Structures are given as structure tokens and as C-alpha cells.
Amino acid sequence: MFLLGTLVNGLLIIIGTLVGRLLHRIPEGMKTTVMYAIGMSVIVLGLQMGLKSDNFLIVIISLVVGAVVGEVLKLEDKLNDLGQWLELKVGSTSKGSISEGFVSATLIFVIGAMAIIGALDSGIRGDHDVLFTKSLIDGFTALILTTTLGIGVIFSAIPVMLYEGLIALFATQIDRFVPQALMDQFIVEMTSTGGIMIFAIGLNLTGITKIKVANLLPGIVVTGLIVTILYIFQ
């Protein structure tokens, strides 16, 4: 079942959120310190990923072009609008903004090499180990995020399952039309580009910056286009 890893990922995010709701009485000082710890860990993870590029010029161009496209499309605003719509539908009687929890958790869980590589492994080889590992990390992160950002974190399971599920579905047919060398190069550059975004998320979590990371997301698509063009004309 090529969607097994995706379903487990979504399920553990939901479980982590529900457990986090039960632990909402954790002292504020402890939650703040833990959030800083997560933020710093995300920064280090993003830095490690960001340094994996074989051609950093690709990463720079991808981020710049992606930022322009994202600003024009106002992706961050649209994600916030979706979160606010959910807040109106569900109500916000608990501490924390549903919009903030949804947006922050979605960006953390969706961006990154593990989501893409794991979904590709699920679709191409039927190997779910990467997504199972990511699921454990996401479940724990959802627990902590929920104690600070509220129940909105639970809704991030929806885009995570859609995103990974579509990649896994695509991957079941990918070997028919995408050369392995091209896919390997894309994964390397995508890892680096996504790593910079994860680094920015870490800075936001620690309160150092307020970068509109969602507006950088088109950079992943730009990376794919650049890598494909270079592969064709090399």
C-alpha cells in the first residue's frame, strides 16, 4: 500500500495534537524554553540541509524567483486566510490561534527533504521507513506546538497527507518518464533549497525574525525547472 507512510504521518500528527491538548497546563516557562529548543533544532536541521547543494547558485536563483512569485501570489496571506476560516468554523475557545497553529505546523511538516524522499520511497519501492521516521518526529513536534499554538496544529495533517499522498501516487509512475540521474540531482538541490526555508522557520520559531516562509515555497518548483533545464542542455 503506497499510501501507508502518508497515512501514518497524518495519524501521528493528529495523535500528537490531541495529547498536546491534554498537556495544555504545562508551565509557560517550560513551553517557551521547549519552543526555543525546537526552534534551534529546526535551525540546525535547515542549515545541514542547506549545505548539501552541488550548485548553490541554483538554490539562490530558486529562492529569489520563488520569493517573487510567492509575493505576487500572496501565498502566506492565503494560508493565513485559510487558517482564519478554520478558526471561524471551529471557534477559538482555547488558548492559541487556530490560524497560527495551522500555518506554522503546515510549514514545518510539509517543507523538507524527508517528506519528498519518503513519499518517493513509498511510491517507487514501497519502502515507508523514511515516512515512519518523519511521523515520529512530526507527532512529537505537534504535541509541543499544540501546547503553545493551540488546536489549529491538528488541521496541518490535511495538507501533509495530500502533499505526501500526491507525491507517492506520482512516484508510482515516475520511473517511466524521469531519468534517475535527473531525479537524484533534483533531490539534492531541493534538499538545499528546502533547508534554507526550514532554517527560516527555525528563526521564526525562536522569535528572531518574522519571515514569510510560505512565500518562498514556489522556489521548490523553480528548483525543479532549473535542474531539468540544466540536465537537458548539459
C-alpha atoms as a PDB file:
ATOM      1  CA  MET A   1       0.000   0.000   0.000  1.00  0.00           C
ATOM      2  CA  PHE A   2       1.888   3.050  -1.256  1.00  0.00           C
ATOM      3  CA  LEU A   3      -0.055   5.471   0.988  1.00  0.00           C
ATOM      4  CA  LEU A   4       0.716   3.674   4.264  1.00  0.00           C
ATOM      5  CA  GLY A   5       3.549   6.011   5.275  1.00  0.00           C
ATOM      6  CA  THR A   6       1.459   9.071   4.405  1.00  0.00           C
ATOM      7  CA  LEU A   7      -1.499   7.873   6.478  1.00  0.00           C
ATOM      8  CA  VAL A   8       0.730   7.079   9.466  1.00  0.00           C
ATOM      9  CA  ASN A   9       2.271  10.557   9.226  1.00  0.00           C
ATOM     10  CA  GLY A  10      -1.126  12.245   9.314  1.00  0.00           C
ATOM     11  CA  LEU A  11      -2.351   9.985  12.129  1.00  0.00           C
ATOM     12  CA  LEU A  12       0.618  10.722  14.390  1.00  0.00           C
ATOM     13  CA  ILE A  13       0.213  14.462  13.845  1.00  0.00           C
ATOM     14  CA  ILE A  14      -3.405  14.132  14.992  1.00  0.00           C
ATOM     15  CA  ILE A  15      -2.442  11.968  17.983  1.00  0.00           C
ATOM     16  CA  GLY A  16       0.371  14.340  18.938  1.00  0.00           C
ATOM     17  CA  THR A  17      -2.021  17.283  18.786  1.00  0.00           C
ATOM     18  CA  LEU A  18      -4.631  15.562  20.952  1.00  0.00           C
ATOM     19  CA  VAL A  19      -2.015  14.577  23.533  1.00  0.00           C
ATOM     20  CA  GLY A  20      -0.734  18.150  23.462  1.00  0.00           C
ATOM     21  CA  ARG A  21      -4.246  19.369  24.282  1.00  0.00           C
ATOM     22  CA  LEU A  22      -4.251  17.177  27.382  1.00  0.00           C
ATOM     23  CA  LEU A  23      -0.932  18.683  28.460  1.00  0.00           C
ATOM     24  CA  HIS A  24      -2.016  22.295  27.991  1.00  0.00           C
ATOM     25  CA  ARG A  25      -1.306  23.060  31.649  1.00  0.00           C
ATOM     26  CA  ILE A  26       2.428  22.795  31.155  1.00  0.00           C
ATOM     27  CA  PRO A  27       4.031  25.889  32.769  1.00  0.00           C
ATOM     28  CA  GLU A  28       4.527  28.801  30.379  1.00  0.00           C
ATOM     29  CA  GLY A  29       8.232  28.973  31.130  1.00  0.00           C
ATOM     30  CA  MET A  30       8.690  25.326  30.219  1.00  0.00           C
ATOM     31  CA  LYS A  31       6.706  25.681  26.975  1.00  0.00           C
ATOM     32  CA  THR A  32       8.725  28.754  25.992  1.00  0.00           C
ATOM     33  CA  THR A  33      12.019  27.001  26.639  1.00  0.00           C
ATOM     34  CA  VAL A  34      10.902  23.891  24.760  1.00  0.00           C
ATOM     35  CA  MET A  35       9.765  26.043  21.816  1.00  0.00           C
ATOM     36  CA  TYR A  36      13.172  27.704  21.735  1.00  0.00           C
ATOM     37  CA  ALA A  37      14.771  24.248  21.790  1.00  0.00           C
ATOM     38  CA  ILE A  38      12.629  23.130  18.841  1.00  0.00           C
ATOM     39  CA  GLY A  39      13.385  26.363  17.007  1.00  0.00           C
ATOM     40  CA  MET A  40      17.130  25.956  17.471  1.00  0.00           C
ATOM     41  CA  SER A  41      16.935  22.308  16.395  1.00  0.00           C
ATOM     42  CA  VAL A  42      14.993  23.299  13.274  1.00  0.00           C
ATOM     43  CA  ILE A  43      17.646  25.953  12.540  1.00  0.00           C
ATOM     44  CA  VAL A  44      20.430  23.346  12.735  1.00  0.00           C
ATOM     45  CA  LEU A  45      18.438  20.888  10.611  1.00  0.00           C
ATOM     46  CA  GLY A  46      17.817  23.562   7.990  1.00  0.00           C
ATOM     47  CA  LEU A  47      21.488  24.552   7.993  1.00  0.00           C
ATOM     48  CA  GLN A  48      22.590  20.950   7.488  1.00  0.00           C
ATOM     49  CA  MET A  49      20.157  20.526   4.596  1.00  0.00           C
ATOM     50  CA  GLY A  50      21.039  23.902   3.096  1.00  0.00           C
ATOM     51  CA  LEU A  51      24.704  22.946   2.758  1.00  0.00           C
ATOM     52  CA  LYS A  52      24.032  19.832   0.654  1.00  0.00           C
ATOM     53  CA  SER A  53      23.773  21.648  -2.685  1.00  0.00           C
ATOM     54  CA  ASP A  54      26.162  20.751  -5.514  1.00  0.00           C
ATOM     55  CA  ASN A  55      25.495  24.126  -7.162  1.00  0.00           C
ATOM     56  CA  PHE A  56      24.436  26.790  -4.680  1.00  0.00           C
ATOM     57  CA  LEU A  57      23.667  29.215  -7.495  1.00  0.00           C
ATOM     58  CA  ILE A  58      20.627  27.056  -8.257  1.00  0.00           C
ATOM     59  CA  VAL A  59      19.460  27.474  -4.657  1.00  0.00           C
ATOM     60  CA  ILE A  60      19.910  31.247  -4.708  1.00  0.00           C
ATOM     61  CA  ILE A  61      18.053  31.688  -8.008  1.00  0.00           C
ATOM     62  CA  SER A  62      15.300  29.341  -6.890  1.00  0.00           C
ATOM     63  CA  LEU A  63      14.742  31.228  -3.635  1.00  0.00           C
ATOM     64  CA  VAL A  64      14.816  34.658  -5.286  1.00  0.00           C
ATOM     65  CA  VAL A  65      12.445  33.734  -8.117  1.00  0.00           C
ATOM     66  CA  GLY A  66      10.300  31.734  -5.729  1.00  0.00           C
ATOM     67  CA  ALA A  67      10.076  34.703  -3.356  1.00  0.00           C
ATOM     68  CA  VAL A  68       8.932  36.989  -6.181  1.00  0.00           C
ATOM     69  CA  VAL A  69       6.269  34.506  -7.302  1.00  0.00           C
ATOM     70  CA  GLY A  70       5.171  33.893  -3.721  1.00  0.00           C
ATOM     71  CA  GLU A  71       4.827  37.601  -3.010  1.00  0.00           C
ATOM     72  CA  VAL A  72       2.822  38.142  -6.177  1.00  0.00           C
ATOM     73  CA  LEU A  73       0.528  35.215  -5.319  1.00  0.00           C
ATOM     74  CA  LYS A  74       0.478  36.238  -1.625  1.00  0.00           C
ATOM     75  CA  LEU A  75       0.761  32.602  -0.522  1.00  0.00           C
ATOM     76  CA  GLU A  76       1.425  33.474   3.127  1.00  0.00           C
ATOM     77  CA  ASP A  77      -1.705  35.630   3.258  1.00  0.00           C
ATOM     78  CA  LYS A  78      -3.794  32.891   1.641  1.00  0.00           C
ATOM     79  CA  LEU A  79      -2.550  30.295   4.126  1.00  0.00           C
ATOM     80  CA  ASN A  80      -3.411  32.682   6.949  1.00  0.00           C
ATOM     81  CA  ASP A  81      -6.833  33.316   5.421  1.00  0.00           C
ATOM     82  CA  LEU A  82      -7.444  29.556   5.310  1.00  0.00           C
ATOM     83  CA  GLY A  83      -6.410  29.254   8.935  1.00  0.00           C
ATOM     84  CA  GLN A  84      -8.696  32.129   9.931  1.00  0.00           C
ATOM     85  CA  TRP A  85     -11.583  30.490   8.045  1.00  0.00           C
ATOM     86  CA  LEU A  86     -10.970  27.318  10.031  1.00  0.00           C
ATOM     87  CA  GLU A  87     -10.892  29.414  13.185  1.00  0.00           C
ATOM     88  CA  LEU A  88     -14.324  30.861  12.383  1.00  0.00           C
ATOM     89  CA  LYS A  89     -15.744  27.418  11.603  1.00  0.00           C
ATOM     90  CA  VAL A  90     -14.299  25.644  14.615  1.00  0.00           C
ATOM     91  CA  GLY A  91     -14.171  28.536  17.044  1.00  0.00           C
ATOM     92  CA  SER A  92     -11.232  29.576  19.172  1.00  0.00           C
ATOM     93  CA  THR A  93     -12.224  28.948  22.750  1.00  0.00           C
ATOM     94  CA  SER A  94      -8.831  27.579  23.625  1.00  0.00           C
ATOM     95  CA  LYS A  95      -5.587  29.377  24.090  1.00  0.00           C
ATOM     96  CA  GLY A  96      -3.687  29.911  20.877  1.00  0.00           C
ATOM     97  CA  SER A  97      -4.698  30.954  17.404  1.00  0.00           C
ATOM     98  CA  ILE A  98      -6.017  28.227  15.090  1.00  0.00           C
ATOM     99  CA  SER A  99      -4.662  30.200  12.142  1.00  0.00           C
ATOM    100  CA  GLU A 100      -1.176  30.480  13.657  1.00  0.00           C
ATOM    101  CA  GLY A 101      -1.100  26.828  14.665  1.00  0.00           C
ATOM    102  CA  PHE A 102      -2.289  25.620  11.265  1.00  0.00           C
ATOM    103  CA  VAL A 103       0.137  27.763   9.257  1.00  0.00           C
ATOM    104  CA  SER A 104       3.197  27.173  11.449  1.00  0.00           C
ATOM    105  CA  ALA A 105       2.662  23.414  11.691  1.00  0.00           C
ATOM    106  CA  THR A 106       1.896  23.054   7.973  1.00  0.00           C
ATOM    107  CA  LEU A 107       5.126  24.805   7.017  1.00  0.00           C
ATOM    108  CA  ILE A 108       7.179  22.713   9.454  1.00  0.00           C
ATOM    109  CA  PHE A 109       5.669  19.372   8.409  1.00  0.00           C
ATOM    110  CA  VAL A 110       5.425  19.929   4.650  1.00  0.00           C
ATOM    111  CA  ILE A 111       8.719  21.619   3.801  1.00  0.00           C
ATOM    112  CA  GLY A 112      11.721  19.353   3.774  1.00  0.00           C
ATOM    113  CA  ALA A 113      13.506  16.506   2.082  1.00  0.00           C
ATOM    114  CA  MET A 114      12.029  13.808   4.309  1.00  0.00           C
ATOM    115  CA  ALA A 115       8.506  14.451   3.022  1.00  0.00           C
ATOM    116  CA  ILE A 116       9.518  14.218  -0.633  1.00  0.00           C
ATOM    117  CA  ILE A 117      12.128  11.477  -0.310  1.00  0.00           C
ATOM    118  CA  GLY A 118       9.875   9.450   1.982  1.00  0.00           C
ATOM    119  CA  ALA A 119       6.887   9.766  -0.343  1.00  0.00           C
ATOM    120  CA  LEU A 120       9.061   8.846  -3.328  1.00  0.00           C
ATOM    121  CA  ASP A 121      10.338   5.762  -1.493  1.00  0.00           C
ATOM    122  CA  SER A 122       6.758   4.787  -0.661  1.00  0.00           C
ATOM    123  CA  GLY A 123       5.655   5.122  -4.262  1.00  0.00           C
ATOM    124  CA  ILE A 124       8.689   3.758  -6.086  1.00  0.00           C
ATOM    125  CA  ARG A 125       9.888   0.992  -3.737  1.00  0.00           C
ATOM    126  CA  GLY A 126       7.043   0.523  -1.287  1.00  0.00           C
ATOM    127  CA  ASP A 127       9.516   1.424   1.486  1.00  0.00           C
ATOM    128  CA  HIS A 128       7.898   3.550   4.225  1.00  0.00           C
ATOM    129  CA  ASP A 129      10.829   3.758   6.671  1.00  0.00           C
ATOM    130  CA  VAL A 130      11.602   7.425   5.949  1.00  0.00           C
ATOM    131  CA  LEU A 131       7.978   8.495   6.397  1.00  0.00           C
ATOM    132  CA  PHE A 132       7.655   6.382   9.547  1.00  0.00           C
ATOM    133  CA  THR A 133      10.670   8.208  10.992  1.00  0.00           C
ATOM    134  CA  LYS A 134       9.253  11.565   9.923  1.00  0.00           C
ATOM    135  CA  SER A 135       5.925  10.587  11.507  1.00  0.00           C
ATOM    136  CA  LEU A 136       7.531  10.102  14.919  1.00  0.00           C
ATOM    137  CA  ILE A 137       9.283  13.467  14.677  1.00  0.00           C
ATOM    138  CA  ASP A 138       6.117  15.230  13.485  1.00  0.00           C
ATOM    139  CA  GLY A 139       3.991  13.631  16.208  1.00  0.00           C
ATOM    140  CA  PHE A 140       6.296  14.844  18.957  1.00  0.00           C
ATOM    141  CA  THR A 141       6.597  18.271  17.355  1.00  0.00           C
ATOM    142  CA  ALA A 142       2.803  18.503  17.038  1.00  0.00           C
ATOM    143  CA  LEU A 143       2.479  17.722  20.743  1.00  0.00           C
ATOM    144  CA  ILE A 144       4.798  20.565  21.723  1.00  0.00           C
ATOM    145  CA  LEU A 145       3.408  23.022  19.180  1.00  0.00           C
ATOM    146  CA  THR A 146      -0.134  22.379  20.395  1.00  0.00           C
ATOM    147  CA  THR A 147       0.732  23.314  23.976  1.00  0.00           C
ATOM    148  CA  THR A 148       1.815  26.719  22.683  1.00  0.00           C
ATOM    149  CA  LEU A 149      -0.074  27.383  19.442  1.00  0.00           C
ATOM    150  CA  GLY A 150      -3.320  25.553  20.160  1.00  0.00           C
ATOM    151  CA  ILE A 151      -5.618  23.074  18.412  1.00  0.00           C
ATOM    152  CA  GLY A 152      -5.016  24.568  14.952  1.00  0.00           C
ATOM    153  CA  VAL A 153      -1.992  22.271  14.636  1.00  0.00           C
ATOM    154  CA  ILE A 154      -4.333  19.315  14.025  1.00  0.00           C
ATOM    155  CA  PHE A 155      -5.514  20.746  10.690  1.00  0.00           C
ATOM    156  CA  SER A 156      -1.952  20.578   9.313  1.00  0.00           C
ATOM    157  CA  ALA A 157      -2.475  16.810   8.944  1.00  0.00           C
ATOM    158  CA  ILE A 158      -4.700  17.506   5.910  1.00  0.00           C
ATOM    159  CA  PRO A 159      -2.146  19.301   3.670  1.00  0.00           C
ATOM    160  CA  VAL A 160       0.567  16.898   4.861  1.00  0.00           C
ATOM    161  CA  MET A 161      -1.410  13.840   3.731  1.00  0.00           C
ATOM    162  CA  LEU A 162      -2.462  15.491   0.454  1.00  0.00           C
ATOM    163  CA  TYR A 163       1.101  16.608  -0.305  1.00  0.00           C
ATOM    164  CA  GLU A 164       2.814  13.322   0.513  1.00  0.00           C
ATOM    165  CA  GLY A 165      -0.010  11.263  -0.963  1.00  0.00           C
ATOM    166  CA  LEU A 166       0.156  13.038  -4.321  1.00  0.00           C
ATOM    167  CA  ILE A 167       3.951  12.647  -4.458  1.00  0.00           C
ATOM    168  CA  ALA A 168       3.663   8.930  -3.619  1.00  0.00           C
ATOM    169  CA  LEU A 169       0.984   8.493  -6.295  1.00  0.00           C
ATOM    170  CA  PHE A 170       3.137  10.344  -8.820  1.00  0.00           C
ATOM    171  CA  ALA A 171       6.163   8.248  -7.789  1.00  0.00           C
ATOM    172  CA  THR A 172       4.409   5.004  -8.700  1.00  0.00           C
ATOM    173  CA  GLN A 173       4.752   6.096 -12.332  1.00  0.00           C
ATOM    174  CA  ILE A 174       7.846   8.334 -12.123  1.00  0.00           C
ATOM    175  CA  ASP A 175      10.391   5.811 -13.389  1.00  0.00           C
ATOM    176  CA  ARG A 176       8.564   5.732 -16.724  1.00  0.00           C
ATOM    177  CA  PHE A 177       9.394   9.308 -17.690  1.00  0.00           C
ATOM    178  CA  VAL A 178      12.006  10.794 -15.295  1.00  0.00           C
ATOM    179  CA  PRO A 179      15.635   9.593 -15.606  1.00  0.00           C
ATOM    180  CA  GLN A 180      17.233   8.513 -12.324  1.00  0.00           C
ATOM    181  CA  ALA A 181      20.132  10.962 -12.763  1.00  0.00           C
ATOM    182  CA  LEU A 182      17.705  13.878 -13.084  1.00  0.00           C
ATOM    183  CA  MET A 183      15.758  12.760 -10.009  1.00  0.00           C
ATOM    184  CA  ASP A 184      18.937  12.404  -7.944  1.00  0.00           C
ATOM    185  CA  GLN A 185      20.070  15.912  -8.891  1.00  0.00           C
ATOM    186  CA  PHE A 186      16.649  17.385  -8.120  1.00  0.00           C
ATOM    187  CA  ILE A 187      16.547  15.771  -4.673  1.00  0.00           C
ATOM    188  CA  VAL A 188      19.972  17.225  -3.814  1.00  0.00           C
ATOM    189  CA  GLU A 189      19.088  20.777  -4.859  1.00  0.00           C
ATOM    190  CA  MET A 190      15.570  20.549  -3.456  1.00  0.00           C
ATOM    191  CA  THR A 191      17.027  19.440  -0.128  1.00  0.00           C
ATOM    192  CA  SER A 192      19.247  22.515  -0.036  1.00  0.00           C
ATOM    193  CA  THR A 193      16.503  24.921  -1.113  1.00  0.00           C
ATOM    194  CA  GLY A 194      14.053  23.437   1.377  1.00  0.00           C
ATOM    195  CA  GLY A 195      16.764  23.539   4.036  1.00  0.00           C
ATOM    196  CA  ILE A 196      17.045  27.316   3.740  1.00  0.00           C
ATOM    197  CA  MET A 197      13.282  27.554   4.219  1.00  0.00           C
ATOM    198  CA  ILE A 198      13.441  25.289   7.274  1.00  0.00           C
ATOM    199  CA  PHE A 199      16.254  27.474   8.619  1.00  0.00           C
ATOM    200  CA  ALA A 200      13.929  30.478   8.253  1.00  0.00           C
ATOM    201  CA  ILE A 201      11.147  28.604  10.070  1.00  0.00           C
ATOM    202  CA  GLY A 202      13.545  27.973  12.952  1.00  0.00           C
ATOM    203  CA  LEU A 203      14.357  31.680  13.154  1.00  0.00           C
ATOM    204  CA  ASN A 204      10.630  32.456  13.240  1.00  0.00           C
ATOM    205  CA  LEU A 205      10.005  29.902  15.990  1.00  0.00           C
ATOM    206  CA  THR A 206      12.665  31.477  18.191  1.00  0.00           C
ATOM    207  CA  GLY A 207      11.161  34.921  17.606  1.00  0.00           C
ATOM    208  CA  ILE A 208      14.274  36.290  15.923  1.00  0.00           C
ATOM    209  CA  THR A 209      12.528  37.013  12.603  1.00  0.00           C
ATOM    210  CA  LYS A 210       9.087  37.080  11.016  1.00  0.00           C
ATOM    211  CA  ILE A 211       9.949  35.771   7.572  1.00  0.00           C
ATOM    212  CA  LYS A 212       7.007  34.917   5.298  1.00  0.00           C
ATOM    213  CA  VAL A 213       8.295  31.424   4.570  1.00  0.00           C
ATOM    214  CA  ALA A 214       5.169  30.372   2.666  1.00  0.00           C
ATOM    215  CA  ASN A 215       6.018  32.965   0.025  1.00  0.00           C
ATOM    216  CA  LEU A 216       9.271  31.075  -0.633  1.00  0.00           C
ATOM    217  CA  LEU A 217       7.534  27.785  -1.432  1.00  0.00           C
ATOM    218  CA  PRO A 218       7.472  28.326  -5.238  1.00  0.00           C
ATOM    219  CA  GLY A 219      11.253  28.046  -5.000  1.00  0.00           C
ATOM    220  CA  ILE A 220      10.871  24.256  -4.871  1.00  0.00           C
ATOM    221  CA  VAL A 221       9.130  24.304  -8.264  1.00  0.00           C
ATOM    222  CA  VAL A 222      11.744  26.701  -9.649  1.00  0.00           C
ATOM    223  CA  THR A 223      14.456  24.307  -8.470  1.00  0.00           C
ATOM    224  CA  GLY A 224      12.841  21.501 -10.450  1.00  0.00           C
ATOM    225  CA  LEU A 225      12.662  23.657 -13.575  1.00  0.00           C
ATOM    226  CA  ILE A 226      16.294  24.792 -13.351  1.00  0.00           C
ATOM    227  CA  VAL A 227      17.603  21.288 -12.687  1.00  0.00           C
ATOM    228  CA  THR A 228      15.581  19.933 -15.621  1.00  0.00           C
ATOM    229  CA  ILE A 229      16.875  22.631 -17.989  1.00  0.00           C
ATOM    230  CA  LEU A 230      20.490  22.024 -16.928  1.00  0.00           C
ATOM    231  CA  TYR A 231      20.033  18.271 -17.348  1.00  0.00           C
ATOM    232  CA  ILE A 232      18.650  18.662 -20.861  1.00  0.00           C
ATOM    233  CA  PHE A 233      21.369  21.025 -22.066  1.00  0.00           C
ATOM    234  CA  GLN A 234      24.382  19.561 -20.271  1.00  0.00           C
END
